[in-house]
């Protein structure tokens, strides 16, 4: 399922916040994904890597100029996944994309994180999807 693929990407980008050089971890994390979901995870991670600076800057702007260092790493990971998917997987429904990111925040972050992630991605969706 794509939910598992998103969670795999989430775990990997969160890990990279602390250990940027552990590229082999992605292979370990995605070993249980089927081929279709593994390809989705690889594409999603590629879009995040290619646009990380842009997504960080946009998150800070949408968070009312809150410095990136003050945003929980788990929240950033969920937001970056949502942003990459909103921008690059235009056949995926906006509510589904946002809901999946919010579920990741609910599972791995704080109670307030769900509202924060939802708000950032809802605003971003208006910008990139109209």
C-alpha atoms as a PDB file:
ATOM      1  CA  UNK A   1       0.000   0.000   0.000  1.00  0.00           C
ATOM      2  CA  UNK A   2       1.111   3.524  -0.631  1.00  0.00           C
ATOM      3  CA  UNK A   3       0.648   4.268   3.065  1.00  0.00           C
ATOM      4  CA  UNK A   4       3.524   1.896   3.801  1.00  0.00           C
ATOM      5  CA  UNK A   5       5.619   3.520   1.093  1.00  0.00           C
ATOM      6  CA  UNK A   6       5.002   6.953   2.602  1.00  0.00           C
ATOM      7  CA  UNK A   7       5.892   5.665   6.050  1.00  0.00           C
ATOM      8  CA  UNK A   8       9.104   4.162   4.671  1.00  0.00           C
ATOM      9  CA  UNK A   9      10.074   7.518   3.167  1.00  0.00           C
ATOM     10  CA  UNK A  10       9.077   9.242   6.420  1.00  0.00           C
ATOM     11  CA  UNK A  11      11.341   6.998   8.497  1.00  0.00           C
ATOM     12  CA  UNK A  12      14.219   7.428   6.088  1.00  0.00           C
ATOM     13  CA  UNK A  13      14.115  11.221   5.866  1.00  0.00           C
ATOM     14  CA  UNK A  14      13.676  11.445   9.639  1.00  0.00           C
ATOM     15  CA  UNK A  15      16.746   9.249  10.092  1.00  0.00           C
ATOM     16  CA  UNK A  16      18.724  11.490   7.743  1.00  0.00           C
ATOM     17  CA  UNK A  17      18.079  14.447  10.034  1.00  0.00           C
ATOM     18  CA  UNK A  18      20.500  12.747  12.437  1.00  0.00           C
ATOM     19  CA  UNK A  19      22.672  10.643  10.128  1.00  0.00           C
ATOM     20  CA  UNK A  20      22.788  12.105   6.605  1.00  0.00           C
ATOM     21  CA  UNK A  21      25.156   9.473   5.255  1.00  0.00           C
ATOM     22  CA  UNK A  22      23.170   6.287   5.954  1.00  0.00           C
ATOM     23  CA  UNK A  23      21.955   5.593   2.420  1.00  0.00           C
ATOM     24  CA  UNK A  24      21.782   1.813   2.981  1.00  0.00           C
ATOM     25  CA  UNK A  25      18.944   2.309   5.440  1.00  0.00           C
ATOM     26  CA  UNK A  26      16.469   3.003   2.649  1.00  0.00           C
ATOM     27  CA  UNK A  27      17.035  -0.461   1.204  1.00  0.00           C
ATOM     28  CA  UNK A  28      16.419  -2.008   4.622  1.00  0.00           C
ATOM     29  CA  UNK A  29      13.249   0.008   5.173  1.00  0.00           C
ATOM     30  CA  UNK A  30      11.683  -0.696   1.779  1.00  0.00           C
ATOM     31  CA  UNK A  31      12.391  -4.455   1.681  1.00  0.00           C
ATOM     32  CA  UNK A  32       8.782  -5.298   2.618  1.00  0.00           C
ATOM     33  CA  UNK A  33       7.213  -3.112  -0.068  1.00  0.00           C
ATOM     34  CA  UNK A  34       5.903  -4.595  -3.290  1.00  0.00           C
ATOM     35  CA  UNK A  35       7.569  -3.403  -6.503  1.00  0.00           C
ATOM     36  CA  UNK A  36       4.922  -0.770  -7.297  1.00  0.00           C
ATOM     37  CA  UNK A  37       5.088   0.772  -3.825  1.00  0.00           C
ATOM     38  CA  UNK A  38       8.882   0.594  -3.786  1.00  0.00           C
ATOM     39  CA  UNK A  39       8.949   2.587  -7.054  1.00  0.00           C
ATOM     40  CA  UNK A  40       6.520   5.117  -5.559  1.00  0.00           C
ATOM     41  CA  UNK A  41       8.740   5.470  -2.474  1.00  0.00           C
ATOM     42  CA  UNK A  42      11.851   5.933  -4.610  1.00  0.00           C
ATOM     43  CA  UNK A  43      10.152   8.599  -6.732  1.00  0.00           C
ATOM     44  CA  UNK A  44       8.760  10.377  -3.676  1.00  0.00           C
ATOM     45  CA  UNK A  45      12.159  10.406  -1.990  1.00  0.00           C
ATOM     46  CA  UNK A  46      13.745  11.701  -5.188  1.00  0.00           C
ATOM     47  CA  UNK A  47      11.322  14.623  -5.349  1.00  0.00           C
ATOM     48  CA  UNK A  48      11.959  15.448  -1.698  1.00  0.00           C
ATOM     49  CA  UNK A  49      15.728  15.342  -2.186  1.00  0.00           C
ATOM     50  CA  UNK A  50      15.528  17.532  -5.292  1.00  0.00           C
ATOM     51  CA  UNK A  51      13.353  20.149  -3.585  1.00  0.00           C
ATOM     52  CA  UNK A  52      14.368  19.997   0.072  1.00  0.00           C
ATOM     53  CA  UNK A  53      15.516  23.610   0.217  1.00  0.00           C
ATOM     54  CA  UNK A  54      12.358  24.848  -1.443  1.00  0.00           C
ATOM     55  CA  UNK A  55      10.123  22.750   0.834  1.00  0.00           C
ATOM     56  CA  UNK A  56      11.975  23.962   3.935  1.00  0.00           C
ATOM     57  CA  UNK A  57      11.647  27.590   2.894  1.00  0.00           C
ATOM     58  CA  UNK A  58       7.981  27.185   1.963  1.00  0.00           C
ATOM     59  CA  UNK A  59       7.226  25.472   5.273  1.00  0.00           C
ATOM     60  CA  UNK A  60       8.804  28.360   7.162  1.00  0.00           C
ATOM     61  CA  UNK A  61       6.797  30.876   5.132  1.00  0.00           C
ATOM     62  CA  UNK A  62       3.502  29.057   5.598  1.00  0.00           C
ATOM     63  CA  UNK A  63       4.233  28.590   9.292  1.00  0.00           C
ATOM     64  CA  UNK A  64       4.244  32.357   9.604  1.00  0.00           C
ATOM     65  CA  UNK A  65       8.007  32.601   9.305  1.00  0.00           C
ATOM     66  CA  UNK A  66       8.653  30.121  12.085  1.00  0.00           C
ATOM     67  CA  UNK A  67      12.301  29.122  11.823  1.00  0.00           C
ATOM     68  CA  UNK A  68      12.779  25.614  10.554  1.00  0.00           C
ATOM     69  CA  UNK A  69      14.765  24.717  13.668  1.00  0.00           C
ATOM     70  CA  UNK A  70      11.676  25.306  15.784  1.00  0.00           C
ATOM     71  CA  UNK A  71       9.493  22.897  13.798  1.00  0.00           C
ATOM     72  CA  UNK A  72       9.556  19.292  14.973  1.00  0.00           C
ATOM     73  CA  UNK A  73      11.532  17.027  12.669  1.00  0.00           C
ATOM     74  CA  UNK A  74       8.617  14.627  12.498  1.00  0.00           C
ATOM     75  CA  UNK A  75       6.341  17.428  11.343  1.00  0.00           C
ATOM     76  CA  UNK A  76       8.824  18.505   8.679  1.00  0.00           C
ATOM     77  CA  UNK A  77       9.065  14.941   7.369  1.00  0.00           C
ATOM     78  CA  UNK A  78       5.291  14.623   7.058  1.00  0.00           C
ATOM     79  CA  UNK A  79       5.033  18.059   5.425  1.00  0.00           C
ATOM     80  CA  UNK A  80       7.812  17.356   2.917  1.00  0.00           C
ATOM     81  CA  UNK A  81       6.129  14.100   1.907  1.00  0.00           C
ATOM     82  CA  UNK A  82       2.834  15.914   1.408  1.00  0.00           C
ATOM     83  CA  UNK A  83       4.440  18.753  -0.542  1.00  0.00           C
ATOM     84  CA  UNK A  84       6.315  16.402  -2.837  1.00  0.00           C
ATOM     85  CA  UNK A  85       3.209  14.370  -3.491  1.00  0.00           C
ATOM     86  CA  UNK A  86       0.992  17.413  -4.067  1.00  0.00           C
ATOM     87  CA  UNK A  87       3.453  18.802  -6.557  1.00  0.00           C
ATOM     88  CA  UNK A  88       4.460  15.671  -8.438  1.00  0.00           C
ATOM     89  CA  UNK A  89       1.655  13.121  -8.210  1.00  0.00           C
ATOM     90  CA  UNK A  90      -1.168  15.179  -9.658  1.00  0.00           C
ATOM     91  CA  UNK A  91      -3.411  12.140 -10.142  1.00  0.00           C
ATOM     92  CA  UNK A  92      -3.523  11.617  -6.366  1.00  0.00           C
ATOM     93  CA  UNK A  93      -6.410  13.355  -4.618  1.00  0.00           C
ATOM     94  CA  UNK A  94      -5.522  16.354  -2.444  1.00  0.00           C
ATOM     95  CA  UNK A  95      -7.583  15.212   0.579  1.00  0.00           C
ATOM     96  CA  UNK A  96      -5.934  11.775   0.474  1.00  0.00           C
ATOM     97  CA  UNK A  97      -2.439  13.264   0.281  1.00  0.00           C
ATOM     98  CA  UNK A  98      -3.077  15.607   3.199  1.00  0.00           C
ATOM     99  CA  UNK A  99      -4.794  12.882   5.233  1.00  0.00           C
ATOM    100  CA  UNK A 100      -1.850  10.518   4.762  1.00  0.00           C
ATOM    101  CA  UNK A 101       0.619  13.178   5.939  1.00  0.00           C
ATOM    102  CA  UNK A 102      -1.584  14.012   8.919  1.00  0.00           C
ATOM    103  CA  UNK A 103      -1.736  10.307   9.841  1.00  0.00           C
ATOM    104  CA  UNK A 104       2.058  10.193   9.878  1.00  0.00           C
ATOM    105  CA  UNK A 105       2.150  13.239  12.141  1.00  0.00           C
ATOM    106  CA  UNK A 106      -0.477  11.686  14.420  1.00  0.00           C
ATOM    107  CA  UNK A 107       1.517   8.475  14.692  1.00  0.00           C
ATOM    108  CA  UNK A 108       4.975   9.962  15.182  1.00  0.00           C
ATOM    109  CA  UNK A 109       4.587  13.493  16.549  1.00  0.00           C
ATOM    110  CA  UNK A 110       2.569  15.543  19.044  1.00  0.00           C
ATOM    111  CA  UNK A 111      -1.171  16.080  19.410  1.00  0.00           C
ATOM    112  CA  UNK A 112      -0.913  19.580  17.970  1.00  0.00           C
ATOM    113  CA  UNK A 113       1.127  18.366  15.011  1.00  0.00           C
ATOM    114  CA  UNK A 114      -1.898  17.072  13.138  1.00  0.00           C
ATOM    115  CA  UNK A 115      -3.452  20.538  12.950  1.00  0.00           C
ATOM    116  CA  UNK A 116      -0.109  22.104  12.057  1.00  0.00           C
ATOM    117  CA  UNK A 117       0.644  19.643   9.239  1.00  0.00           C
ATOM    118  CA  UNK A 118      -2.924  19.864   7.956  1.00  0.00           C
ATOM    119  CA  UNK A 119      -2.810  23.670   7.887  1.00  0.00           C
ATOM    120  CA  UNK A 120       0.539  23.895   6.108  1.00  0.00           C
ATOM    121  CA  UNK A 121      -0.439  21.331   3.466  1.00  0.00           C
ATOM    122  CA  UNK A 122      -3.899  22.822   2.913  1.00  0.00           C
ATOM    123  CA  UNK A 123      -2.285  26.187   2.133  1.00  0.00           C
ATOM    124  CA  UNK A 124       0.346  24.584  -0.055  1.00  0.00           C
ATOM    125  CA  UNK A 125      -2.304  22.626  -1.936  1.00  0.00           C
ATOM    126  CA  UNK A 126      -4.083  25.898  -2.787  1.00  0.00           C
ATOM    127  CA  UNK A 127      -0.861  27.219  -4.273  1.00  0.00           C
ATOM    128  CA  UNK A 128       0.145  24.201  -6.328  1.00  0.00           C
ATOM    129  CA  UNK A 129      -3.236  22.723  -7.206  1.00  0.00           C
ATOM    130  CA  UNK A 130      -5.382  25.841  -7.264  1.00  0.00           C
END
